[in-house]
Amino acid sequence: MIAACYGTAYRFGKTGKVLDAATRAGVAGVTVTCVAGGRETRAVRTAANGSFQLMTQRECDELRVADGAGARYAATSVPGGATDDVGVIALQPAK
């Protein structure tokens, strides 16, 4: 028997949605980063509606959300937790 392997096998997944705290609209293009053991292990950008799916090798201790250069929103972080669905992460405007 021959077994095929396609890409990296992921053990953990996090899904959720990043919203503007005031308007509750999805925020596209922000970066959601998994932090495990004090290291940033994987990052994805949110889709047009603010949703994200982050697949990792290790469980995330924390999720960091940042808007990058010229940020419209303040960076934030939330606990990674044991659940796959982190729910909604609401971003506040940058100061």
C-alpha atoms as a PDB file:
ATOM      1  CA  MET A   1       0.000   0.000   0.000  1.00  0.00           C
ATOM      2  CA  ILE A   2       1.203   3.520  -0.788  1.00  0.00           C
ATOM      3  CA  ALA A   3      -0.013   6.435   1.304  1.00  0.00           C
ATOM      4  CA  ALA A   4       0.000   9.974  -0.042  1.00  0.00           C
ATOM      5  CA  CYS A   5       0.675  12.988   2.108  1.00  0.00           C
ATOM      6  CA  TYR A   6      -0.614  16.410   1.109  1.00  0.00           C
ATOM      7  CA  GLY A   7       0.876  19.292   3.080  1.00  0.00           C
ATOM      8  CA  THR A   8       1.214  19.721   6.804  1.00  0.00           C
ATOM      9  CA  ALA A   9      -1.092  17.860   9.157  1.00  0.00           C
ATOM     10  CA  TYR A  10      -2.594  20.308  11.641  1.00  0.00           C
ATOM     11  CA  ARG A  11      -3.710  19.260  15.110  1.00  0.00           C
ATOM     12  CA  PHE A  12      -5.478  22.398  16.313  1.00  0.00           C
ATOM     13  CA  GLY A  13      -7.792  24.909  14.715  1.00  0.00           C
ATOM     14  CA  LYS A  14      -9.203  28.254  15.782  1.00  0.00           C
ATOM     15  CA  THR A  15     -12.091  29.987  14.055  1.00  0.00           C
ATOM     16  CA  GLY A  16     -13.775  33.268  14.809  1.00  0.00           C
ATOM     17  CA  LYS A  17     -14.665  36.709  13.562  1.00  0.00           C
ATOM     18  CA  VAL A  18     -13.009  40.097  14.056  1.00  0.00           C
ATOM     19  CA  LEU A  19     -15.462  43.001  14.292  1.00  0.00           C
ATOM     20  CA  ASP A  20     -15.334  46.765  14.648  1.00  0.00           C
ATOM     21  CA  ALA A  21     -16.477  47.340  18.263  1.00  0.00           C
ATOM     22  CA  ALA A  22     -18.627  50.359  17.354  1.00  0.00           C
ATOM     23  CA  THR A  23     -20.273  49.269  14.096  1.00  0.00           C
ATOM     24  CA  ARG A  24     -20.133  45.464  14.607  1.00  0.00           C
ATOM     25  CA  ALA A  25     -19.026  45.175  10.955  1.00  0.00           C
ATOM     26  CA  GLY A  26     -16.442  42.561  10.024  1.00  0.00           C
ATOM     27  CA  VAL A  27     -12.875  43.865   9.718  1.00  0.00           C
ATOM     28  CA  ALA A  28     -11.026  42.568   6.659  1.00  0.00           C
ATOM     29  CA  GLY A  29      -7.271  42.117   6.333  1.00  0.00           C
ATOM     30  CA  VAL A  30      -6.165  42.203   9.971  1.00  0.00           C
ATOM     31  CA  THR A  31      -3.647  39.627  11.166  1.00  0.00           C
ATOM     32  CA  VAL A  32      -4.594  36.974  13.730  1.00  0.00           C
ATOM     33  CA  THR A  33      -1.517  35.284  15.223  1.00  0.00           C
ATOM     34  CA  CYS A  34      -1.287  32.144  17.368  1.00  0.00           C
ATOM     35  CA  VAL A  35       1.150  32.405  20.286  1.00  0.00           C
ATOM     36  CA  ALA A  36       2.216  29.096  21.829  1.00  0.00           C
ATOM     37  CA  GLY A  37       4.936  28.735  24.431  1.00  0.00           C
ATOM     38  CA  GLY A  38       5.769  32.440  24.108  1.00  0.00           C
ATOM     39  CA  ARG A  39       6.425  32.186  20.352  1.00  0.00           C
ATOM     40  CA  GLU A  40       4.339  33.360  17.430  1.00  0.00           C
ATOM     41  CA  THR A  41       3.703  30.104  15.583  1.00  0.00           C
ATOM     42  CA  ARG A  42       1.262  30.896  12.779  1.00  0.00           C
ATOM     43  CA  ALA A  43      -0.671  33.868  11.421  1.00  0.00           C
ATOM     44  CA  VAL A  44      -3.570  34.423   9.010  1.00  0.00           C
ATOM     45  CA  ARG A  45      -5.447  37.460   7.682  1.00  0.00           C
ATOM     46  CA  THR A  46      -9.161  37.912   8.136  1.00  0.00           C
ATOM     47  CA  ALA A  47     -11.509  37.515   5.171  1.00  0.00           C
ATOM     48  CA  ALA A  48     -13.713  40.294   3.767  1.00  0.00           C
ATOM     49  CA  ASN A  49     -16.371  39.611   6.433  1.00  0.00           C
ATOM     50  CA  GLY A  50     -13.806  39.508   9.283  1.00  0.00           C
ATOM     51  CA  SER A  51     -13.818  35.726   9.671  1.00  0.00           C
ATOM     52  CA  PHE A  52     -10.656  33.685  10.161  1.00  0.00           C
ATOM     53  CA  GLN A  53      -9.546  30.080  10.373  1.00  0.00           C
ATOM     54  CA  LEU A  54      -6.171  29.402  11.929  1.00  0.00           C
ATOM     55  CA  MET A  55      -4.739  25.863  11.745  1.00  0.00           C
ATOM     56  CA  THR A  56      -1.712  25.094  13.942  1.00  0.00           C
ATOM     57  CA  GLN A  57       0.598  22.331  15.141  1.00  0.00           C
ATOM     58  CA  ARG A  58       0.362  23.472  18.779  1.00  0.00           C
ATOM     59  CA  GLU A  59      -2.509  24.730  20.921  1.00  0.00           C
ATOM     60  CA  CYS A  60      -2.534  28.548  21.055  1.00  0.00           C
ATOM     61  CA  ASP A  61      -2.018  30.079  24.491  1.00  0.00           C
ATOM     62  CA  GLU A  62      -3.029  33.460  23.104  1.00  0.00           C
ATOM     63  CA  LEU A  63      -4.354  34.999  19.884  1.00  0.00           C
ATOM     64  CA  ARG A  64      -2.954  38.391  18.918  1.00  0.00           C
ATOM     65  CA  VAL A  65      -4.877  40.613  16.540  1.00  0.00           C
ATOM     66  CA  ALA A  66      -3.140  43.524  14.808  1.00  0.00           C
ATOM     67  CA  ASP A  67      -3.992  45.868  11.977  1.00  0.00           C
ATOM     68  CA  GLY A  68      -0.391  46.498  10.859  1.00  0.00           C
ATOM     69  CA  ALA A  69       1.164  49.708   9.519  1.00  0.00           C
ATOM     70  CA  GLY A  70      -1.202  52.681   9.445  1.00  0.00           C
ATOM     71  CA  ALA A  71      -3.439  50.834  11.882  1.00  0.00           C
ATOM     72  CA  ARG A  72      -7.096  51.821  12.063  1.00  0.00           C
ATOM     73  CA  TYR A  73      -7.525  49.627  15.144  1.00  0.00           C
ATOM     74  CA  ALA A  74      -5.622  49.103  18.394  1.00  0.00           C
ATOM     75  CA  ALA A  75      -3.834  45.762  18.663  1.00  0.00           C
ATOM     76  CA  THR A  76      -5.399  43.336  21.124  1.00  0.00           C
ATOM     77  CA  SER A  77      -5.023  39.788  22.372  1.00  0.00           C
ATOM     78  CA  VAL A  78      -7.360  37.136  23.745  1.00  0.00           C
ATOM     79  CA  PRO A  79      -6.685  33.830  25.509  1.00  0.00           C
ATOM     80  CA  GLY A  80      -6.320  30.883  23.123  1.00  0.00           C
ATOM     81  CA  GLY A  81      -8.293  28.544  25.340  1.00  0.00           C
ATOM     82  CA  ALA A  82      -9.312  24.950  24.717  1.00  0.00           C
ATOM     83  CA  THR A  83     -12.229  25.669  22.393  1.00  0.00           C
ATOM     84  CA  ASP A  84     -11.925  25.704  18.609  1.00  0.00           C
ATOM     85  CA  ASP A  85     -14.391  28.574  18.158  1.00  0.00           C
ATOM     86  CA  VAL A  86     -13.077  31.755  19.781  1.00  0.00           C
ATOM     87  CA  GLY A  87     -16.223  33.653  18.805  1.00  0.00           C
ATOM     88  CA  VAL A  88     -16.053  37.403  18.224  1.00  0.00           C
ATOM     89  CA  ILE A  89     -13.026  39.597  18.809  1.00  0.00           C
ATOM     90  CA  ALA A  90     -14.076  43.268  18.888  1.00  0.00           C
ATOM     91  CA  LEU A  91     -11.465  45.850  17.912  1.00  0.00           C
ATOM     92  CA  GLN A  92     -11.324  49.380  19.285  1.00  0.00           C
ATOM     93  CA  PRO A  93     -10.134  52.325  17.147  1.00  0.00           C
ATOM     94  CA  ALA A  94      -6.419  53.158  17.259  1.00  0.00           C
ATOM     95  CA  LYS A  95      -5.562  56.216  19.334  1.00  0.00           C
END
